[in-house]
C-alpha atoms as a PDB file:
ATOM      1  CA  MET A   1      64.872 179.202 156.417  1.00  0.00           C
ATOM      2  CA  ARG A   2      66.662 178.898 153.105  1.00  0.00           C
ATOM      3  CA  SER A   3      69.169 181.619 152.234  1.00  0.00           C
ATOM      4  CA  ILE A   4      68.488 184.094 149.444  1.00  0.00           C
ATOM      5  CA  GLY A   5      71.323 182.505 147.439  1.00  0.00           C
ATOM      6  CA  THR A   6      69.746 179.048 147.647  1.00  0.00           C
ATOM      7  CA  ILE A   7      66.377 180.433 146.555  1.00  0.00           C
ATOM      8  CA  ILE A   8      67.949 182.196 143.556  1.00  0.00           C
ATOM      9  CA  VAL A   9      69.865 179.055 142.452  1.00  0.00           C
ATOM     10  CA  THR A  10      66.707 176.935 142.757  1.00  0.00           C
ATOM     11  CA  ALA A  11      64.733 179.450 140.686  1.00  0.00           C
ATOM     12  CA  ILE A  12      67.408 179.482 137.958  1.00  0.00           C
ATOM     13  CA  LEU A  13      67.557 175.672 137.750  1.00  0.00           C
ATOM     14  CA  THR A  14      63.778 175.402 137.648  1.00  0.00           C
ATOM     15  CA  SER A  15      63.531 178.030 134.911  1.00  0.00           C
ATOM     16  CA  ALA A  16      66.214 176.276 132.864  1.00  0.00           C
ATOM     17  CA  PHE A  17      64.316 172.990 133.106  1.00  0.00           C
ATOM     18  CA  TRP A  18      61.055 174.478 131.893  1.00  0.00           C
ATOM     19  CA  LEU A  19      62.787 176.279 129.011  1.00  0.00           C
ATOM     20  CA  PHE A  20      64.313 172.953 127.920  1.00  0.00           C
ATOM     21  CA  TYR A  21      61.006 171.150 128.501  1.00  0.00           C
ATOM     22  CA  PHE A  22      58.936 173.518 126.384  1.00  0.00           C
ATOM     23  CA  ASN A  23      61.541 173.620 123.606  1.00  0.00           C
ATOM     24  CA  ILE A  24      61.119 169.841 123.297  1.00  0.00           C
ATOM     25  CA  SER A  25      57.388 169.791 123.801  1.00  0.00           C
ATOM     26  CA  ARG A  26      56.689 172.525 121.259  1.00  0.00           C
ATOM     27  CA  ALA A  27      58.817 170.953 118.529  1.00  0.00           C
ATOM     28  CA  PRO A  28      56.589 170.192 115.511  1.00  0.00           C
ATOM     29  CA  GLY A  29      55.534 166.586 115.748  1.00  0.00           C
ATOM     30  CA  GLY A  30      57.779 166.104 118.761  1.00  0.00           C
ATOM     31  CA  PRO A  31      57.065 164.925 122.271  1.00  0.00           C
ATOM     32  CA  GLY A  32      54.249 166.812 123.885  1.00  0.00           C
ATOM     33  CA  GLN A  33      53.171 168.788 120.830  1.00  0.00           C
ATOM     34  CA  ILE A  34      51.161 171.612 122.411  1.00  0.00           C
ATOM     35  CA  ALA A  35      47.458 171.523 121.610  1.00  0.00           C
ATOM     36  CA  ARG A  36      45.469 174.669 120.789  1.00  0.00           C
ATOM     37  CA  VAL A  37      43.044 175.768 123.508  1.00  0.00           C
ATOM     38  CA  ASP A  38      39.785 177.121 122.097  1.00  0.00           C
ATOM     39  CA  THR A  39      37.901 179.962 123.744  1.00  0.00           C
ATOM     40  CA  ASP A  40      35.287 177.482 124.987  1.00  0.00           C
ATOM     41  CA  GLY A  41      37.934 175.709 127.088  1.00  0.00           C
ATOM     42  CA  VAL A  42      38.238 172.703 124.779  1.00  0.00           C
ATOM     43  CA  VAL A  43      41.720 171.520 123.864  1.00  0.00           C
ATOM     44  CA  ALA A  44      42.059 170.565 120.215  1.00  0.00           C
ATOM     45  CA  ALA A  45      45.006 169.292 118.201  1.00  0.00           C
ATOM     46  CA  ALA A  46      44.990 168.494 114.510  1.00  0.00           C
ATOM     47  CA  GLY A  47      43.504 165.036 114.024  1.00  0.00           C
ATOM     48  CA  ASP A  48      43.116 164.432 117.755  1.00  0.00           C
ATOM     49  CA  LYS A  49      39.939 163.840 119.725  1.00  0.00           C
ATOM     50  CA  LYS A  50      38.787 166.879 121.633  1.00  0.00           C
ATOM     51  CA  VAL A  51      39.439 166.811 125.345  1.00  0.00           C
ATOM     52  CA  VAL A  52      38.118 169.106 128.030  1.00  0.00           C
ATOM     53  CA  GLN A  53      40.700 171.080 129.956  1.00  0.00           C
ATOM     54  CA  ALA A  54      40.407 170.379 133.676  1.00  0.00           C
ATOM     55  CA  ALA A  55      41.999 173.624 134.894  1.00  0.00           C
ATOM     56  CA  PRO A  56      44.925 175.849 133.940  1.00  0.00           C
ATOM     57  CA  GLY A  57      48.211 174.048 134.564  1.00  0.00           C
ATOM     58  CA  THR A  58      46.613 170.684 135.279  1.00  0.00           C
ATOM     59  CA  THR A  59      46.111 167.558 133.215  1.00  0.00           C
ATOM     60  CA  THR A  60      43.316 166.940 130.771  1.00  0.00           C
ATOM     61  CA  VAL A  61      41.430 163.722 130.318  1.00  0.00           C
ATOM     62  CA  VAL A  62      40.613 161.930 127.074  1.00  0.00           C
ATOM     63  CA  ALA A  63      37.773 159.423 126.786  1.00  0.00           C
ATOM     64  CA  GLU A  64      38.203 156.024 128.433  1.00  0.00           C
ATOM     65  CA  GLY A  65      40.518 157.190 131.183  1.00  0.00           C
ATOM     66  CA  VAL A  66      43.456 158.381 129.081  1.00  0.00           C
ATOM     67  CA  THR A  67      45.205 161.322 130.753  1.00  0.00           C
ATOM     68  CA  VAL A  68      47.066 163.997 128.810  1.00  0.00           C
ATOM     69  CA  GLY A  69      49.944 165.563 130.719  1.00  0.00           C
ATOM     70  CA  PRO A  70      50.837 169.258 130.757  1.00  0.00           C
ATOM     71  CA  GLY A  71      53.114 168.855 127.723  1.00  0.00           C
ATOM     72  CA  GLY A  72      50.411 167.320 125.530  1.00  0.00           C
ATOM     73  CA  LEU A  73      51.643 163.712 125.616  1.00  0.00           C
ATOM     74  CA  ALA A  74      49.054 161.135 126.603  1.00  0.00           C
ATOM     75  CA  ILE A  75      50.096 158.894 129.477  1.00  0.00           C
ATOM     76  CA  PRO A  76      50.213 155.676 127.433  1.00  0.00           C
ATOM     77  CA  VAL A  77      48.423 153.415 129.931  1.00  0.00           C
ATOM     78  CA  ALA A  78      44.720 154.000 130.466  1.00  0.00           C
ATOM     79  CA  GLY A  79      43.721 154.849 134.012  1.00  0.00           C
ATOM     80  CA  VAL A  80      47.208 155.947 135.135  1.00  0.00           C
ATOM     81  CA  LYS A  81      47.589 159.459 136.529  1.00  0.00           C
ATOM     82  CA  ALA A  82      50.665 161.660 136.320  1.00  0.00           C
ATOM     83  CA  SER A  83      51.057 161.489 140.089  1.00  0.00           C
ATOM     84  CA  GLU A  84      51.413 157.692 139.875  1.00  0.00           C
ATOM     85  CA  LEU A  85      54.391 157.750 137.509  1.00  0.00           C
ATOM     86  CA  VAL A  86      57.866 156.892 138.766  1.00  0.00           C
ATOM     87  CA  ASP A  87      61.081 158.084 137.123  1.00  0.00           C
ATOM     88  CA  THR A  88      63.093 154.929 136.344  1.00  0.00           C
ATOM     89  CA  PHE A  89      65.037 156.441 133.436  1.00  0.00           C
ATOM     90  CA  THR A  90      68.470 156.314 135.065  1.00  0.00           C
ATOM     91  CA  GLN A  91      68.025 153.055 136.971  1.00  0.00           C
ATOM     92  CA  ALA A  92      70.505 150.252 136.317  1.00  0.00           C
ATOM     93  CA  ARG A  93      69.431 147.145 134.441  1.00  0.00           C
ATOM     94  CA  ALA A  94      71.060 143.776 133.633  1.00  0.00           C
ATOM     95  CA  GLY A  95      72.983 143.796 136.878  1.00  0.00           C
ATOM     96  CA  GLY A  96      74.332 147.274 136.250  1.00  0.00           C
ATOM     97  CA  ALA A  97      75.465 146.562 132.685  1.00  0.00           C
ATOM     98  CA  ARG A  98      73.218 149.238 131.213  1.00  0.00           C
ATOM     99  CA  VAL A  99      70.931 152.133 132.068  1.00  0.00           C
ATOM    100  CA  HIS A 100      67.175 151.742 131.693  1.00  0.00           C
ATOM    101  CA  ASP A 101      66.702 154.754 129.325  1.00  0.00           C
ATOM    102  CA  ALA A 102      62.920 154.429 129.723  1.00  0.00           C
ATOM    103  CA  ILE A 103      60.206 154.467 132.359  1.00  0.00           C
ATOM    104  CA  ASP A 104      58.135 151.530 133.562  1.00  0.00           C
ATOM    105  CA  ILE A 105      54.426 152.199 134.042  1.00  0.00           C
ATOM    106  CA  MET A 106      52.972 149.545 136.311  1.00  0.00           C
ATOM    107  CA  ALA A 107      49.452 148.313 135.524  1.00  0.00           C
ATOM    108  CA  PRO A 108      47.451 145.070 135.475  1.00  0.00           C
ATOM    109  CA  THR A 109      47.813 142.708 132.537  1.00  0.00           C
ATOM    110  CA  GLY A 110      45.326 143.599 129.810  1.00  0.00           C
ATOM    111  CA  ARG A 111      45.112 147.317 130.580  1.00  0.00           C
ATOM    112  CA  ALA A 112      44.886 149.423 127.403  1.00  0.00           C
ATOM    113  CA  VAL A 113      48.125 150.891 126.011  1.00  0.00           C
ATOM    114  CA  VAL A 114      47.621 153.943 123.800  1.00  0.00           C
ATOM    115  CA  SER A 115      49.808 156.131 121.629  1.00  0.00           C
ATOM    116  CA  ALA A 116      51.323 159.027 123.562  1.00  0.00           C
ATOM    117  CA  ALA A 117      51.509 161.166 120.430  1.00  0.00           C
ATOM    118  CA  PRO A 118      50.489 161.084 116.779  1.00  0.00           C
ATOM    119  CA  GLY A 119      52.683 159.335 114.241  1.00  0.00           C
ATOM    120  CA  THR A 120      53.050 156.182 112.154  1.00  0.00           C
ATOM    121  CA  VAL A 121      53.630 152.632 113.343  1.00  0.00           C
ATOM    122  CA  GLU A 122      57.143 152.063 112.050  1.00  0.00           C
ATOM    123  CA  LYS A 123      57.843 148.603 113.457  1.00  0.00           C
ATOM    124  CA  LEU A 124      56.066 145.752 115.233  1.00  0.00           C
ATOM    125  CA  PHE A 125      58.758 143.638 116.809  1.00  0.00           C
ATOM    126  CA  PHE A 126      59.148 140.676 119.157  1.00  0.00           C
ATOM    127  CA  SER A 127      62.277 140.101 121.234  1.00  0.00           C
ATOM    128  CA  LYS A 128      62.134 137.130 123.599  1.00  0.00           C
ATOM    129  CA  GLY A 129      65.116 138.324 125.630  1.00  0.00           C
ATOM    130  CA  GLY A 130      64.264 142.017 125.427  1.00  0.00           C
ATOM    131  CA  GLY A 131      61.084 144.039 125.019  1.00  0.00           C
ATOM    132  CA  GLY A 132      58.893 141.125 123.983  1.00  0.00           C
ATOM    133  CA  THR A 133      55.860 142.220 121.980  1.00  0.00           C
ATOM    134  CA  SER A 134      56.602 145.850 121.156  1.00  0.00           C
ATOM    135  CA  VAL A 135      55.591 148.810 118.998  1.00  0.00           C
ATOM    136  CA  TYR A 136      57.708 151.625 117.548  1.00  0.00           C
ATOM    137  CA  VAL A 137      55.849 154.765 116.456  1.00  0.00           C
ATOM    138  CA  ARG A 138      57.710 157.470 114.504  1.00  0.00           C
ATOM    139  CA  SER A 139      56.492 161.078 114.711  1.00  0.00           C
ATOM    140  CA  ASP A 140      55.234 162.756 111.556  1.00  0.00           C
ATOM    141  CA  ASP A 141      58.366 164.879 111.199  1.00  0.00           C
ATOM    142  CA  GLY A 142      60.606 161.822 111.702  1.00  0.00           C
ATOM    143  CA  LYS A 143      62.462 163.395 114.628  1.00  0.00           C
ATOM    144  CA  TRP A 144      61.037 161.263 117.446  1.00  0.00           C
ATOM    145  CA  SER A 145      60.428 157.581 118.094  1.00  0.00           C
ATOM    146  CA  TYR A 146      58.067 156.254 120.768  1.00  0.00           C
ATOM    147  CA  TYR A 147      58.705 152.718 121.986  1.00  0.00           C
ATOM    148  CA  TYR A 148      56.104 150.610 123.824  1.00  0.00           C
ATOM    149  CA  ALA A 149      57.296 147.214 125.112  1.00  0.00           C
ATOM    150  CA  HIS A 150      56.368 144.076 127.101  1.00  0.00           C
ATOM    151  CA  LEU A 151      52.855 144.072 125.644  1.00  0.00           C
ATOM    152  CA  ASN A 152      50.523 141.169 126.253  1.00  0.00           C
ATOM    153  CA  ALA A 153      49.057 141.578 122.763  1.00  0.00           C
ATOM    154  CA  TYR A 154      48.629 144.100 119.966  1.00  0.00           C
ATOM    155  CA  ALA A 155      45.396 145.958 119.339  1.00  0.00           C
ATOM    156  CA  PRO A 156      43.269 144.143 116.738  1.00  0.00           C
ATOM    157  CA  GLY A 157      44.405 145.031 113.229  1.00  0.00           C
ATOM    158  CA  LEU A 158      47.433 147.065 114.284  1.00  0.00           C
ATOM    159  CA  HIS A 159      49.971 147.049 111.451  1.00  0.00           C
ATOM    160  CA  GLU A 160      53.161 148.696 110.267  1.00  0.00           C
ATOM    161  CA  GLY A 161      52.531 151.859 108.287  1.00  0.00           C
ATOM    162  CA  GLN A 162      49.352 152.592 110.227  1.00  0.00           C
ATOM    163  CA  ARG A 163      48.736 156.242 111.087  1.00  0.00           C
ATOM    164  CA  VAL A 164      47.853 156.719 114.754  1.00  0.00           C
ATOM    165  CA  GLN A 165      46.583 159.662 116.749  1.00  0.00           C
ATOM    166  CA  ARG A 166      47.281 160.563 120.339  1.00  0.00           C
ATOM    167  CA  GLY A 167      45.178 158.084 122.326  1.00  0.00           C
ATOM    168  CA  THR A 168      44.956 155.406 119.592  1.00  0.00           C
ATOM    169  CA  LEU A 169      44.868 151.885 121.077  1.00  0.00           C
ATOM    170  CA  LEU A 170      48.156 150.081 120.387  1.00  0.00           C
ATOM    171  CA  GLY A 171      47.882 147.017 122.598  1.00  0.00           C
ATOM    172  CA  TYR A 172      47.625 145.790 126.160  1.00  0.00           C
ATOM    173  CA  VAL A 173      49.904 145.781 129.197  1.00  0.00           C
ATOM    174  CA  GLY A 174      51.739 142.516 129.761  1.00  0.00           C
ATOM    175  CA  SER A 175      55.048 140.959 130.729  1.00  0.00           C
ATOM    176  CA  SER A 176      56.364 139.567 127.449  1.00  0.00           C
ATOM    177  CA  GLY A 177      60.091 139.446 126.781  1.00  0.00           C
ATOM    178  CA  ASN A 178      62.402 139.806 129.765  1.00  0.00           C
ATOM    179  CA  ALA A 179      59.770 141.339 132.078  1.00  0.00           C
ATOM    180  CA  ASN A 180      58.831 139.701 135.370  1.00  0.00           C
ATOM    181  CA  PRO A 181      55.344 138.133 135.114  1.00  0.00           C
ATOM    182  CA  ALA A 182      54.748 139.169 138.729  1.00  0.00           C
ATOM    183  CA  GLY A 183      55.026 142.832 137.740  1.00  0.00           C
ATOM    184  CA  PRO A 184      53.238 143.512 134.442  1.00  0.00           C
ATOM    185  CA  HIS A 185      54.005 146.949 133.095  1.00  0.00           C
ATOM    186  CA  LEU A 186      54.562 149.092 130.038  1.00  0.00           C
ATOM    187  CA  HIS A 187      58.167 149.942 129.206  1.00  0.00           C
ATOM    188  CA  MET A 188      57.925 153.314 127.468  1.00  0.00           C
ATOM    189  CA  ALA A 189      60.866 155.065 125.799  1.00  0.00           C
ATOM    190  CA  ILE A 190      61.319 158.170 123.678  1.00  0.00           C
ATOM    191  CA  ASN A 191      64.254 158.617 121.310  1.00  0.00           C
ATOM    192  CA  ARG A 192      65.381 161.698 119.431  1.00  0.00           C
ATOM    193  CA  MET A 193      66.055 160.573 115.852  1.00  0.00           C
ATOM    194  CA  GLU A 194      68.599 161.901 113.387  1.00  0.00           C
ATOM    195  CA  PRO A 195      68.037 161.734 109.606  1.00  0.00           C
ATOM    196  CA  GLY A 196      68.509 158.196 108.317  1.00  0.00           C
ATOM    197  CA  GLN A 197      68.403 156.482 111.701  1.00  0.00           C
ATOM    198  CA  LYS A 198      66.532 153.183 111.925  1.00  0.00           C
ATOM    199  CA  TRP A 199      63.711 152.266 114.301  1.00  0.00           C
ATOM    200  CA  TYR A 200      66.140 150.667 116.773  1.00  0.00           C
ATOM    201  CA  GLN A 201      68.453 153.715 116.934  1.00  0.00           C
ATOM    202  CA  GLY A 202      68.180 157.221 118.380  1.00  0.00           C
ATOM    203  CA  THR A 203      69.182 159.156 121.485  1.00  0.00           C
ATOM    204  CA  PRO A 204      67.121 158.433 124.624  1.00  0.00           C
ATOM    205  CA  VAL A 205      65.072 161.277 126.118  1.00  0.00           C
ATOM    206  CA  ASN A 206      63.511 160.859 129.550  1.00  0.00           C
ATOM    207  CA  PRO A 207      59.707 160.495 129.182  1.00  0.00           C
ATOM    208  CA  TYR A 208      59.055 161.216 132.862  1.00  0.00           C
ATOM    209  CA  PRO A 209      59.160 165.052 132.884  1.00  0.00           C
ATOM    210  CA  LEU A 210      57.178 165.122 129.633  1.00  0.00           C
ATOM    211  CA  LEU A 211      54.424 162.880 131.028  1.00  0.00           C
ATOM    212  CA  ALA A 212      54.427 163.989 134.649  1.00  0.00           C
ATOM    213  CA  GLY A 213      55.390 167.632 134.254  1.00  0.00           C
ATOM    214  CA  LYS A 214      58.023 167.286 136.974  1.00  0.00           C
ATOM    215  CA  LEU A 215      61.781 167.494 137.130  1.00  0.00           C
ATOM    216  CA  ALA A 216      63.590 164.233 136.425  1.00  0.00           C
ATOM    217  CA  ALA A 217      65.188 162.354 139.290  1.00  0.00           C
ATOM    218  CA  ARG A 218      68.937 162.805 139.731  1.00  0.00           C
END
């Protein structure tokens, strides 16, 4: 049986996490912008499709298998559930030369990749030795950047300057760039942006707790 002291410390740490989590998720235009819940049980956010709330404290589901996590961010790969996500944010990459600063969402090549949150397509970029075919979406308030990499292809007609909603099709899962073809996946990153910062800058924020509603791995 755990001691009273251990229980109290655990409760304090958990409370601190959720305070931090909701401060981020409720930021205007920021990750996990909280949707309004109507009296009829339908979740609605400005400009978003309506989605039916499954149950208090659980995920909601948008059309075509897109799941919206507890913080309001859509899991950006269709058909993937929060319980299937793995926190790879702090994993080493390039033989230990750098930290991942993102999560990898494993899925078959060609699976739909959608926008986790509303914003504007700031940059379509290809890096052979990096993220391959990738998309950068900047939030409406300019404070957040969402990065989707290793795509197989862009959605038809996707272009820079395009306004997207949560759930808008951006492209398809692949293994372009430095990804292993044997393990197609979406590399998804979130960056907190300061005024004047470019699309390739920003401070990494772990997407895992925002998408999965769980504490990040240590």
